[in-house]
C-alpha atoms as a PDB file:
ATOM      1  CA  MET A   1      -1.649  16.807  -6.313  1.00  0.00           C
ATOM      2  CA  GLY A   2      -5.235  17.711  -5.450  1.00  0.00           C
ATOM      3  CA  VAL A   3      -7.140  18.350  -2.272  1.00  0.00           C
ATOM      4  CA  ALA A   4      -6.576  14.945  -0.673  1.00  0.00           C
ATOM      5  CA  GLY A   5      -3.138  14.485  -2.216  1.00  0.00           C
ATOM      6  CA  SER A   6      -1.050  16.206   0.426  1.00  0.00           C
ATOM      7  CA  ALA A   7      -2.507  14.149   3.283  1.00  0.00           C
ATOM      8  CA  ILE A   8      -2.025  10.948   1.306  1.00  0.00           C
ATOM      9  CA  GLY A   9       1.484  11.945   0.252  1.00  0.00           C
ATOM     10  CA  ARG A  10       2.515  12.339   3.882  1.00  0.00           C
ATOM     11  CA  ARG A  11       1.299   8.803   4.587  1.00  0.00           C
ATOM     12  CA  ARG A  12       3.057   7.204   1.587  1.00  0.00           C
ATOM     13  CA  GLY A  13       6.560   7.442   3.041  1.00  0.00           C
ATOM     14  CA  GLY A  14       5.443   5.664   6.194  1.00  0.00           C
ATOM     15  CA  ILE A  15       3.829   2.877   4.201  1.00  0.00           C
ATOM     16  CA  GLU A  16       6.994   2.336   2.167  1.00  0.00           C
ATOM     17  CA  GLU A  17       9.159   2.298   5.293  1.00  0.00           C
ATOM     18  CA  ARG A  18       6.861  -0.173   7.071  1.00  0.00           C
ATOM     19  CA  ALA A  19       6.828  -2.492   4.050  1.00  0.00           C
ATOM     20  CA  VAL A  20      10.618  -2.669   4.081  1.00  0.00           C
ATOM     21  CA  VAL A  21      10.709  -3.325   7.833  1.00  0.00           C
ATOM     22  CA  ARG A  22       8.090  -6.071   7.610  1.00  0.00           C
ATOM     23  CA  LEU A  23       9.913  -7.750   4.744  1.00  0.00           C
ATOM     24  CA  ALA A  24      13.226  -7.582   6.570  1.00  0.00           C
ATOM     25  CA  GLU A  25      11.667  -9.578   9.404  1.00  0.00           C
ATOM     26  CA  HIS A  26      11.312 -12.596   7.109  1.00  0.00           C
ATOM     27  CA  LEU A  27      12.920 -11.557   3.861  1.00  0.00           C
ATOM     28  CA  PRO A  28      12.514 -14.258   1.264  1.00  0.00           C
ATOM     29  CA  ALA A  29      14.458 -14.149  -1.958  1.00  0.00           C
ATOM     30  CA  ASP A  30      11.124 -14.628  -3.720  1.00  0.00           C
ATOM     31  CA  ARG A  31       9.879 -12.415  -6.471  1.00  0.00           C
ATOM     32  CA  GLY A  32       6.312 -11.233  -6.496  1.00  0.00           C
ATOM     33  CA  GLN A  33       3.824  -8.438  -6.866  1.00  0.00           C
ATOM     34  CA  ASP A  34       0.994  -7.492  -4.526  1.00  0.00           C
ATOM     35  CA  VAL A  35      -1.715  -4.906  -5.028  1.00  0.00           C
ATOM     36  CA  VAL A  36      -3.394  -3.691  -1.858  1.00  0.00           C
ATOM     37  CA  GLY A  37      -6.356  -1.339  -1.913  1.00  0.00           C
ATOM     38  CA  VAL A  38      -7.733   0.772   0.885  1.00  0.00           C
ATOM     39  CA  VAL A  39     -10.787   3.005   0.950  1.00  0.00           C
ATOM     40  CA  VAL A  40     -10.574   6.143   3.062  1.00  0.00           C
ATOM     41  CA  PRO A  41     -12.398   6.659   5.411  1.00  0.00           C
ATOM     42  CA  GLU A  42     -13.031   2.895   5.972  1.00  0.00           C
ATOM     43  CA  GLN A  43      -9.284   2.198   6.333  1.00  0.00           C
ATOM     44  CA  GLU A  44      -9.230  -1.638   6.097  1.00  0.00           C
ATOM     45  CA  PRO A  45      -6.764  -2.897   3.449  1.00  0.00           C
ATOM     46  CA  VAL A  46      -8.021  -5.349   0.821  1.00  0.00           C
ATOM     47  CA  MET A  47      -5.720  -7.631  -1.175  1.00  0.00           C
ATOM     48  CA  MET A  48      -6.599  -6.889  -4.802  1.00  0.00           C
ATOM     49  CA  GLY A  49      -3.793  -8.901  -6.364  1.00  0.00           C
ATOM     50  CA  SER A  50      -1.790 -11.513  -4.509  1.00  0.00           C
ATOM     51  CA  SER A  51       1.780 -12.573  -5.157  1.00  0.00           C
ATOM     52  CA  GLY A  52       0.727 -16.079  -4.132  1.00  0.00           C
ATOM     53  CA  LYS A  53       3.409 -15.994  -1.441  1.00  0.00           C
ATOM     54  CA  GLU A  54       2.041 -15.568   2.049  1.00  0.00           C
ATOM     55  CA  PRO A  55       5.037 -13.722   3.596  1.00  0.00           C
ATOM     56  CA  LEU A  56       4.945 -11.140   0.803  1.00  0.00           C
ATOM     57  CA  ASP A  57       1.150 -10.747   1.000  1.00  0.00           C
ATOM     58  CA  ARG A  58       1.291 -10.390   4.776  1.00  0.00           C
ATOM     59  CA  ALA A  59       4.076  -7.768   4.607  1.00  0.00           C
ATOM     60  CA  ALA A  60       2.131  -5.669   2.094  1.00  0.00           C
ATOM     61  CA  ALA A  61      -1.163  -5.751   4.012  1.00  0.00           C
ATOM     62  CA  SER A  62       0.457  -5.164   7.392  1.00  0.00           C
ATOM     63  CA  SER A  63       2.387  -2.140   6.117  1.00  0.00           C
ATOM     64  CA  ILE A  64      -0.945  -0.530   5.217  1.00  0.00           C
ATOM     65  CA  ARG A  65      -2.564  -1.509   8.531  1.00  0.00           C
ATOM     66  CA  ALA A  66       0.396  -0.082  10.464  1.00  0.00           C
ATOM     67  CA  SER A  67      -0.043   3.231   8.627  1.00  0.00           C
ATOM     68  CA  THR A  68      -3.695   3.702   9.542  1.00  0.00           C
ATOM     69  CA  PRO A  69      -5.627   5.638  10.481  1.00  0.00           C
ATOM     70  CA  PHE A  70      -5.298   7.901   7.501  1.00  0.00           C
ATOM     71  CA  GLU A  71      -6.125  11.527   8.105  1.00  0.00           C
ATOM     72  CA  PRO A  72      -9.765  12.476   7.504  1.00  0.00           C
ATOM     73  CA  LEU A  73     -10.505  13.666   4.000  1.00  0.00           C
ATOM     74  CA  PRO A  74     -10.338  17.463   3.740  1.00  0.00           C
ATOM     75  CA  SER A  75     -13.657  19.297   3.860  1.00  0.00           C
ATOM     76  CA  ALA A  76     -12.927  20.651   0.358  1.00  0.00           C
ATOM     77  CA  PHE A  77     -12.984  17.063  -0.985  1.00  0.00           C
ATOM     78  CA  SER A  78     -16.463  16.593  -2.447  1.00  0.00           C
ATOM     79  CA  GLY A  79     -16.599  12.796  -2.750  1.00  0.00           C
ATOM     80  CA  PRO A  80     -17.772  10.315  -0.100  1.00  0.00           C
ATOM     81  CA  TYR A  81     -14.474   8.376  -0.154  1.00  0.00           C
ATOM     82  CA  ILE A  82     -11.215   7.904  -2.002  1.00  0.00           C
ATOM     83  CA  GLU A  83      -9.856   4.514  -3.039  1.00  0.00           C
ATOM     84  CA  LEU A  84      -6.102   4.063  -2.946  1.00  0.00           C
ATOM     85  CA  ARG A  85      -4.088   1.239  -4.501  1.00  0.00           C
ATOM     86  CA  PHE A  86      -0.567   0.411  -3.458  1.00  0.00           C
ATOM     87  CA  ILE A  87       1.594  -1.799  -5.653  1.00  0.00           C
ATOM     88  CA  PHE A  88       4.383  -3.720  -3.939  1.00  0.00           C
ATOM     89  CA  LEU A  89       7.109  -5.147  -6.181  1.00  0.00           C
ATOM     90  CA  TYR A  90       9.404  -7.675  -4.528  1.00  0.00           C
ATOM     91  CA  ASN A  91      12.725  -8.233  -6.303  1.00  0.00           C
ATOM     92  CA  ILE A  92      11.180  -7.115  -9.587  1.00  0.00           C
ATOM     93  CA  PRO A  93      12.670  -4.195 -11.524  1.00  0.00           C
ATOM     94  CA  LEU A  94      10.281  -1.287 -12.100  1.00  0.00           C
ATOM     95  CA  ASN A  95      10.616  -1.662 -15.865  1.00  0.00           C
ATOM     96  CA  SER A  96       9.693  -5.372 -15.774  1.00  0.00           C
ATOM     97  CA  GLN A  97       6.675  -6.564 -17.738  1.00  0.00           C
ATOM     98  CA  THR A  98       5.356  -8.157 -14.512  1.00  0.00           C
ATOM     99  CA  ALA A  99       4.673  -4.693 -13.064  1.00  0.00           C
ATOM    100  CA  GLN A 100       1.505  -3.403 -14.683  1.00  0.00           C
END
């Protein structure tokens, strides 16, 4: 998992839970895929691939924002930052060709 992996792994469950909660608030039957990136330590999510559906985009970005701040990178991590990408699939099977 690597030096930064355990800290990031702990955060992942919270992000997934928050995405579900935010979608449930205004759950459309729409299908879509969002890709949200975040650079640690900067912490601000960036939409890297939009579903084109504002409620889905908003749910994905807000689930990341609600999970910040991420823990500081461990001192053993030698890079200046780590870039994370989260892929949100809405009503799309994992084996679908839409998910890349």
